[in-house]
Amino acid sequence: MDREALAEFLRTHREQLHPSDVGLPTGVRRRAPGLRREEVAQLALMSTDYYTRLEQQRGPQPSTQILTSLARGLRLSSDERDYLYRVAGHAVPDRIGPSDHVAPALRRVFDRLDDAPALIISGLGETLVQNDLAAALLGDNVGLPGFERYEPYRWFLQPERARAHYPEDDHARNSRAQVAGLRAAYGAMGQRSAAGALVAELSRHSEEFRELWDRQEVAQRFADHKTLIHPEVGSIAVDCQVLFTEDRGQALLVLTAAPRSEDEEKIRLLRVVGAQRF
């Protein structure tokens, strides 16, 4: 671990960021450029004291989980993320296959979305980040353990949890979409990958999945228009807009309702319900 290089790298990238770059209010005039240490700590979900010690070359070797959080908080590119791992004394994560490192370009767009449910997902359906409205509407799905992090797993093996957000007459369509998207990921990543492991797990435990997998459908499907159900607000009709990374490994989903509609009012109500319940 190169403490000096790590400290200098963190400090430089912290000073290069403006609060508006990461969705934070600018507030009063700042004496120093960039973000404050406590703001980076907030973004990376760690204590200010821990982050400060890293910048002052006094902290212990950070874990890979800490480095992942720092890379997200500082909006690092993949190359910058790799450098961070190296100077911290860790092996660089494999770029082949799924990654929990959010693409900076998508993250910049995501950070500016606070009036509509928005989330970034991986090619395997893992929710990497979501805003408060998305969590209120769909549940908090970030950081789930094991296979539970992947939406196809929850859809087929935890239906009471995943399917409650959709009308029953839309379940069949969504089941096909889940399998078609997983096959696209499987083709890109190969049998000896997280996609292959997920397919094997679903094949062992879900007859519905096996039947749909045998259809050989391949597509990354996101319905343009769908109805979602919230236990307190009720059904909400939304349009789904999708923005992909260049390699289509990650996607930003934004859910909007027709202007001045009852559905738009329900989305506004989610902000109040979410703050109280979640």
Protein backbone atom coordinates (compact mmCIF):
# COMPACT_ATOMS: atom_id res chain seq x y z
CA MET A 1 0.00 0.00 0.00
CA ASP A 2 1.36 3.39 -1.05
CA ARG A 3 -0.10 5.73 1.59
CA GLU A 4 1.31 8.90 0.05
CA ALA A 5 0.01 8.11 -3.44
CA LEU A 6 -3.39 7.11 -2.05
CA ALA A 7 -3.71 10.28 0.02
CA GLU A 8 -2.68 12.55 -2.85
CA PHE A 9 -5.02 10.81 -5.28
CA LEU A 10 -8.01 11.14 -2.95
CA ARG A 11 -7.28 14.78 -2.14
CA THR A 12 -6.82 15.78 -5.79
CA HIS A 13 -10.04 14.16 -6.95
CA ARG A 14 -11.97 15.57 -4.00
CA GLU A 15 -10.81 19.08 -4.89
CA GLN A 16 -11.75 18.61 -8.55
CA LEU A 17 -15.41 17.94 -7.74
CA HIS A 18 -18.03 20.63 -7.27
CA PRO A 19 -21.06 19.92 -5.06
CA SER A 20 -23.38 20.20 -8.06
CA ASP A 21 -21.37 17.42 -9.76
CA VAL A 22 -22.55 14.95 -7.13
CA GLY A 23 -26.04 16.24 -6.43
CA LEU A 24 -25.17 18.24 -3.30
CA PRO A 25 -26.30 21.83 -2.62
CA THR A 26 -23.61 24.47 -3.11
CA GLY A 27 -24.52 26.31 0.08
CA VAL A 28 -22.46 29.19 1.38
CA ARG A 29 -19.24 30.42 -0.21
CA ARG A 30 -16.39 27.95 0.17
CA ARG A 31 -12.89 28.82 1.23
CA ALA A 32 -11.27 25.85 -0.53
CA PRO A 33 -11.99 24.31 -3.96
CA GLY A 34 -13.94 21.13 -4.40
CA LEU A 35 -15.82 19.02 -1.89
CA ARG A 36 -15.26 19.01 1.82
CA ARG A 37 -13.96 15.85 3.44
CA GLU A 38 -17.22 15.30 5.27
CA GLU A 39 -19.09 15.48 1.95
CA VAL A 40 -16.92 12.77 0.42
CA ALA A 41 -17.40 10.67 3.55
CA GLN A 42 -21.16 11.14 3.21
CA LEU A 43 -21.12 10.09 -0.44
CA ALA A 44 -18.93 7.06 0.31
CA LEU A 45 -21.00 6.01 3.35
CA MET A 46 -18.14 6.17 5.85
CA SER A 47 -17.17 8.30 8.82
CA THR A 48 -15.47 11.64 8.26
CA ASP A 49 -12.73 10.62 10.69
CA TYR A 50 -11.91 7.49 8.68
CA TYR A 51 -11.75 9.38 5.39
CA THR A 52 -9.65 12.15 6.95
CA ARG A 53 -7.11 9.63 8.18
CA LEU A 54 -6.77 8.23 4.65
CA GLU A 55 -5.99 11.69 3.27
CA GLN A 56 -3.52 12.29 6.11
CA GLN A 57 -1.72 8.98 5.47
CA ARG A 58 -2.71 7.69 8.91
CA GLY A 59 -5.47 5.22 8.11
CA PRO A 60 -5.33 1.42 7.86
CA GLN A 61 -5.37 -0.30 4.49
CA PRO A 62 -8.89 0.23 3.14
CA SER A 63 -10.90 -2.84 2.16
CA THR A 64 -12.14 -3.42 -1.38
CA GLN A 65 -15.64 -2.47 -0.17
CA ILE A 66 -14.31 0.89 1.06
CA LEU A 67 -12.50 1.45 -2.24
CA THR A 68 -15.66 0.68 -4.20
CA SER A 69 -17.57 3.25 -2.12
CA LEU A 70 -14.83 5.84 -2.62
CA ALA A 71 -14.78 5.25 -6.37
CA ARG A 72 -18.52 5.81 -6.49
CA GLY A 73 -18.43 8.84 -4.25
CA LEU A 74 -15.61 10.52 -6.19
CA ARG A 75 -17.19 9.59 -9.55
CA LEU A 76 -14.02 7.86 -10.76
CA SER A 77 -13.70 6.37 -14.22
CA SER A 78 -12.82 2.68 -14.56
CA ASP A 79 -9.14 3.53 -15.13
CA GLU A 80 -9.11 5.81 -12.08
CA ARG A 81 -10.85 3.15 -10.03
CA ASP A 82 -8.17 0.61 -11.05
CA TYR A 83 -5.40 3.01 -9.99
CA LEU A 84 -7.11 3.53 -6.63
CA TYR A 85 -7.08 -0.23 -6.04
CA ARG A 86 -3.41 -0.53 -6.97
CA VAL A 87 -2.09 2.22 -4.71
CA ALA A 88 -4.22 0.82 -1.89
CA GLY A 89 -2.48 -2.53 -2.30
CA HIS A 90 -5.32 -4.54 -3.82
CA ALA A 91 -5.71 -6.46 -7.06
CA VAL A 92 -7.63 -4.61 -9.75
CA PRO A 93 -11.21 -5.88 -10.20
CA ASP A 94 -11.87 -7.90 -13.33
CA ARG A 95 -13.61 -5.76 -15.93
CA ILE A 96 -15.02 -8.83 -17.70
CA GLY A 97 -18.44 -9.55 -16.28
CA PRO A 98 -20.68 -7.57 -13.96
CA SER A 99 -19.29 -4.69 -11.97
CA ASP A 100 -20.72 -2.66 -9.11
CA HIS A 101 -18.74 0.37 -10.27
CA VAL A 102 -21.28 2.82 -11.67
CA ALA A 103 -20.39 4.41 -15.00
CA PRO A 104 -19.57 8.10 -14.25
CA ALA A 105 -21.54 9.39 -17.25
CA LEU A 106 -24.71 7.65 -16.09
CA ARG A 107 -24.10 8.75 -12.52
CA ARG A 108 -23.89 12.42 -13.55
CA VAL A 109 -27.32 12.18 -15.17
CA PHE A 110 -28.71 10.21 -12.22
CA ASP A 111 -27.51 12.82 -9.71
CA ARG A 112 -29.70 15.44 -11.38
CA LEU A 113 -32.88 13.40 -11.13
CA ASP A 114 -34.78 14.08 -7.93
CA ASP A 115 -38.36 14.55 -9.13
CA ALA A 116 -38.85 11.11 -10.74
CA PRO A 117 -38.03 7.54 -9.67
CA ALA A 118 -34.62 6.68 -11.13
CA LEU A 119 -32.19 3.81 -10.77
CA ILE A 120 -29.08 2.39 -12.42
CA ILE A 121 -28.97 -1.36 -12.97
CA SER A 122 -26.36 -3.79 -14.27
CA GLY A 123 -26.81 -6.17 -17.18
CA LEU A 124 -27.83 -8.85 -14.66
CA GLY A 125 -30.52 -6.67 -13.12
CA GLU A 126 -28.60 -5.64 -10.02
CA THR A 127 -29.68 -2.25 -8.66
CA LEU A 128 -26.44 -0.30 -8.28
CA VAL A 129 -27.95 3.01 -7.13
CA GLN A 130 -31.49 4.32 -6.77
CA ASN A 131 -32.97 7.59 -5.59
CA ASP A 132 -35.45 7.93 -2.75
CA LEU A 133 -38.48 7.88 -5.04
CA ALA A 134 -37.35 4.63 -6.68
CA ALA A 135 -36.80 3.07 -3.25
CA ALA A 136 -40.25 4.20 -2.12
CA LEU A 137 -41.87 2.77 -5.24
CA LEU A 138 -39.90 -0.45 -5.76
CA GLY A 139 -38.26 -1.11 -2.39
CA ASP A 140 -34.63 -0.69 -1.37
CA ASN A 141 -32.74 -3.19 -3.54
CA VAL A 142 -29.18 -1.84 -3.23
CA GLY A 143 -26.58 -4.04 -1.56
CA LEU A 144 -28.65 -7.20 -1.19
CA PRO A 145 -26.71 -10.41 -0.43
CA GLY A 146 -25.86 -13.22 -2.83
CA PHE A 147 -28.22 -13.98 -5.69
CA GLU A 148 -30.89 -11.77 -4.12
CA ARG A 149 -29.18 -8.73 -5.62
CA TYR A 150 -30.30 -9.83 -9.11
CA GLU A 151 -33.83 -9.01 -10.20
CA PRO A 152 -34.37 -12.29 -12.16
CA TYR A 153 -33.64 -14.25 -8.97
CA ARG A 154 -36.12 -12.22 -6.95
CA TRP A 155 -38.70 -12.43 -9.72
CA PHE A 156 -38.69 -16.23 -9.99
CA LEU A 157 -37.66 -17.35 -6.50
CA GLN A 158 -39.05 -14.55 -4.31
CA PRO A 159 -42.26 -13.76 -6.22
CA GLU A 160 -44.13 -12.50 -3.17
CA ARG A 161 -41.53 -9.76 -2.94
CA ALA A 162 -40.80 -8.88 -6.57
CA ARG A 163 -44.14 -9.44 -8.30
CA ALA A 164 -46.19 -7.41 -5.85
CA HIS A 165 -45.07 -4.26 -7.68
CA TYR A 166 -46.75 -5.38 -10.94
CA PRO A 167 -50.36 -6.15 -11.88
CA GLU A 168 -51.02 -9.86 -12.16
CA ASP A 169 -51.92 -9.61 -15.84
CA ASP A 170 -48.42 -8.23 -16.52
CA HIS A 171 -46.52 -11.06 -14.81
CA ALA A 172 -46.21 -13.28 -17.89
CA ARG A 173 -44.77 -10.48 -20.02
CA ASN A 174 -42.31 -9.50 -17.35
CA SER A 175 -41.23 -13.12 -16.84
CA ARG A 176 -40.33 -13.36 -20.54
CA ALA A 177 -38.51 -10.03 -20.36
CA GLN A 178 -36.48 -11.18 -17.35
CA VAL A 179 -35.38 -14.38 -19.09
CA ALA A 180 -34.64 -12.68 -22.42
CA GLY A 181 -32.47 -10.08 -20.68
CA LEU A 182 -30.64 -12.74 -18.69
CA ARG A 183 -29.91 -14.70 -21.86
CA ALA A 184 -28.41 -11.57 -23.43
CA ALA A 185 -26.13 -11.19 -20.39
CA TYR A 186 -25.31 -14.91 -20.45
CA GLY A 187 -24.26 -14.68 -24.10
CA ALA A 188 -21.99 -11.71 -23.38
CA MET A 189 -20.44 -13.06 -20.17
CA GLY A 190 -20.30 -16.81 -20.75
CA GLN A 191 -21.16 -19.92 -18.79
CA ARG A 192 -18.38 -19.45 -16.22
CA SER A 193 -19.62 -16.12 -14.97
CA ALA A 194 -22.14 -14.66 -12.55
CA ALA A 195 -24.70 -14.92 -15.35
CA GLY A 196 -23.95 -18.62 -15.75
CA ALA A 197 -24.22 -19.19 -12.01
CA LEU A 198 -27.54 -17.34 -11.90
CA VAL A 199 -28.93 -19.38 -14.79
CA ALA A 200 -27.88 -22.62 -13.06
CA GLU A 201 -29.49 -21.54 -9.78
CA LEU A 202 -32.77 -20.56 -11.43
CA SER A 203 -32.83 -23.72 -13.53
CA ARG A 204 -32.54 -25.86 -10.40
CA HIS A 205 -35.38 -24.19 -8.53
CA SER A 206 -37.89 -22.72 -11.00
CA GLU A 207 -39.91 -24.71 -13.52
CA GLU A 208 -41.31 -21.48 -14.98
CA PHE A 209 -37.77 -20.24 -15.62
CA ARG A 210 -36.72 -23.52 -17.27
CA GLU A 211 -39.66 -23.41 -19.67
CA LEU A 212 -38.97 -19.79 -20.66
CA TRP A 213 -35.20 -20.40 -20.94
CA ASP A 214 -35.87 -23.14 -23.49
CA ARG A 215 -37.56 -20.58 -25.77
CA GLN A 216 -34.13 -19.10 -26.59
CA GLU A 217 -35.41 -15.50 -26.56
CA VAL A 218 -32.69 -12.85 -26.38
CA ALA A 219 -33.34 -9.16 -25.73
CA GLN A 220 -32.74 -6.31 -23.31
CA ARG A 221 -36.37 -5.41 -22.80
CA PHE A 222 -37.79 -2.46 -20.92
CA ALA A 223 -41.47 -1.73 -21.44
CA ASP A 224 -42.05 1.81 -22.66
CA HIS A 225 -45.25 2.03 -20.64
CA LYS A 226 -46.12 0.06 -17.54
CA THR A 227 -48.28 0.08 -14.46
CA LEU A 228 -46.67 -0.30 -11.04
CA ILE A 229 -48.41 -0.92 -7.73
CA HIS A 230 -47.58 0.68 -4.40
CA PRO A 231 -49.27 -0.77 -1.29
CA GLU A 232 -50.38 2.65 -0.02
CA VAL A 233 -50.55 4.90 -3.08
CA GLY A 234 -52.08 2.30 -5.41
CA SER A 235 -51.46 1.74 -9.12
CA ILE A 236 -49.29 4.24 -11.00
CA ALA A 237 -49.03 4.36 -14.80
CA VAL A 238 -45.52 5.40 -15.85
CA ASP A 239 -43.38 5.70 -18.94
CA CYS A 240 -39.94 4.11 -18.71
CA GLN A 241 -37.02 5.83 -20.42
CA VAL A 242 -33.68 4.00 -20.60
CA LEU A 243 -30.14 5.28 -21.14
CA PHE A 244 -27.41 2.67 -21.70
CA THR A 245 -23.65 2.83 -21.38
CA GLU A 246 -21.78 2.30 -24.64
CA ASP A 247 -21.19 -1.40 -23.89
CA ARG A 248 -24.81 -1.76 -22.66
CA GLY A 249 -23.46 -3.17 -19.41
CA GLN A 250 -25.42 -0.67 -17.30
CA ALA A 251 -28.68 1.18 -17.79
CA LEU A 252 -30.27 4.23 -16.22
CA LEU A 253 -34.05 3.83 -15.86
CA VAL A 254 -36.24 6.90 -15.32
CA LEU A 255 -39.95 6.52 -14.58
CA THR A 256 -42.21 9.46 -15.38
CA ALA A 257 -45.96 10.03 -15.44
CA ALA A 258 -48.05 12.16 -17.77
CA PRO A 259 -47.94 15.86 -16.77
CA ARG A 260 -50.77 17.09 -14.53
CA SER A 261 -52.17 13.56 -14.26
CA GLU A 262 -53.34 11.65 -11.21
CA ASP A 263 -50.31 9.39 -11.65
CA GLU A 264 -47.96 12.37 -11.42
CA GLU A 265 -49.66 13.37 -8.17
CA LYS A 266 -49.13 9.85 -6.83
CA ILE A 267 -45.40 10.07 -7.58
CA ARG A 268 -45.27 13.33 -5.63
CA LEU A 269 -47.07 11.60 -2.78
CA LEU A 270 -44.42 8.87 -2.79
CA ARG A 271 -41.90 11.41 -1.53
CA VAL A 272 -43.98 11.90 1.62
CA VAL A 273 -44.81 8.21 2.03
CA GLY A 274 -41.21 7.23 1.47
CA ALA A 275 -39.86 9.66 4.04
CA GLN A 276 -42.29 8.33 6.64
CA ARG A 277 -41.97 4.62 5.89
CA PHE A 278 -38.51 3.96 4.47
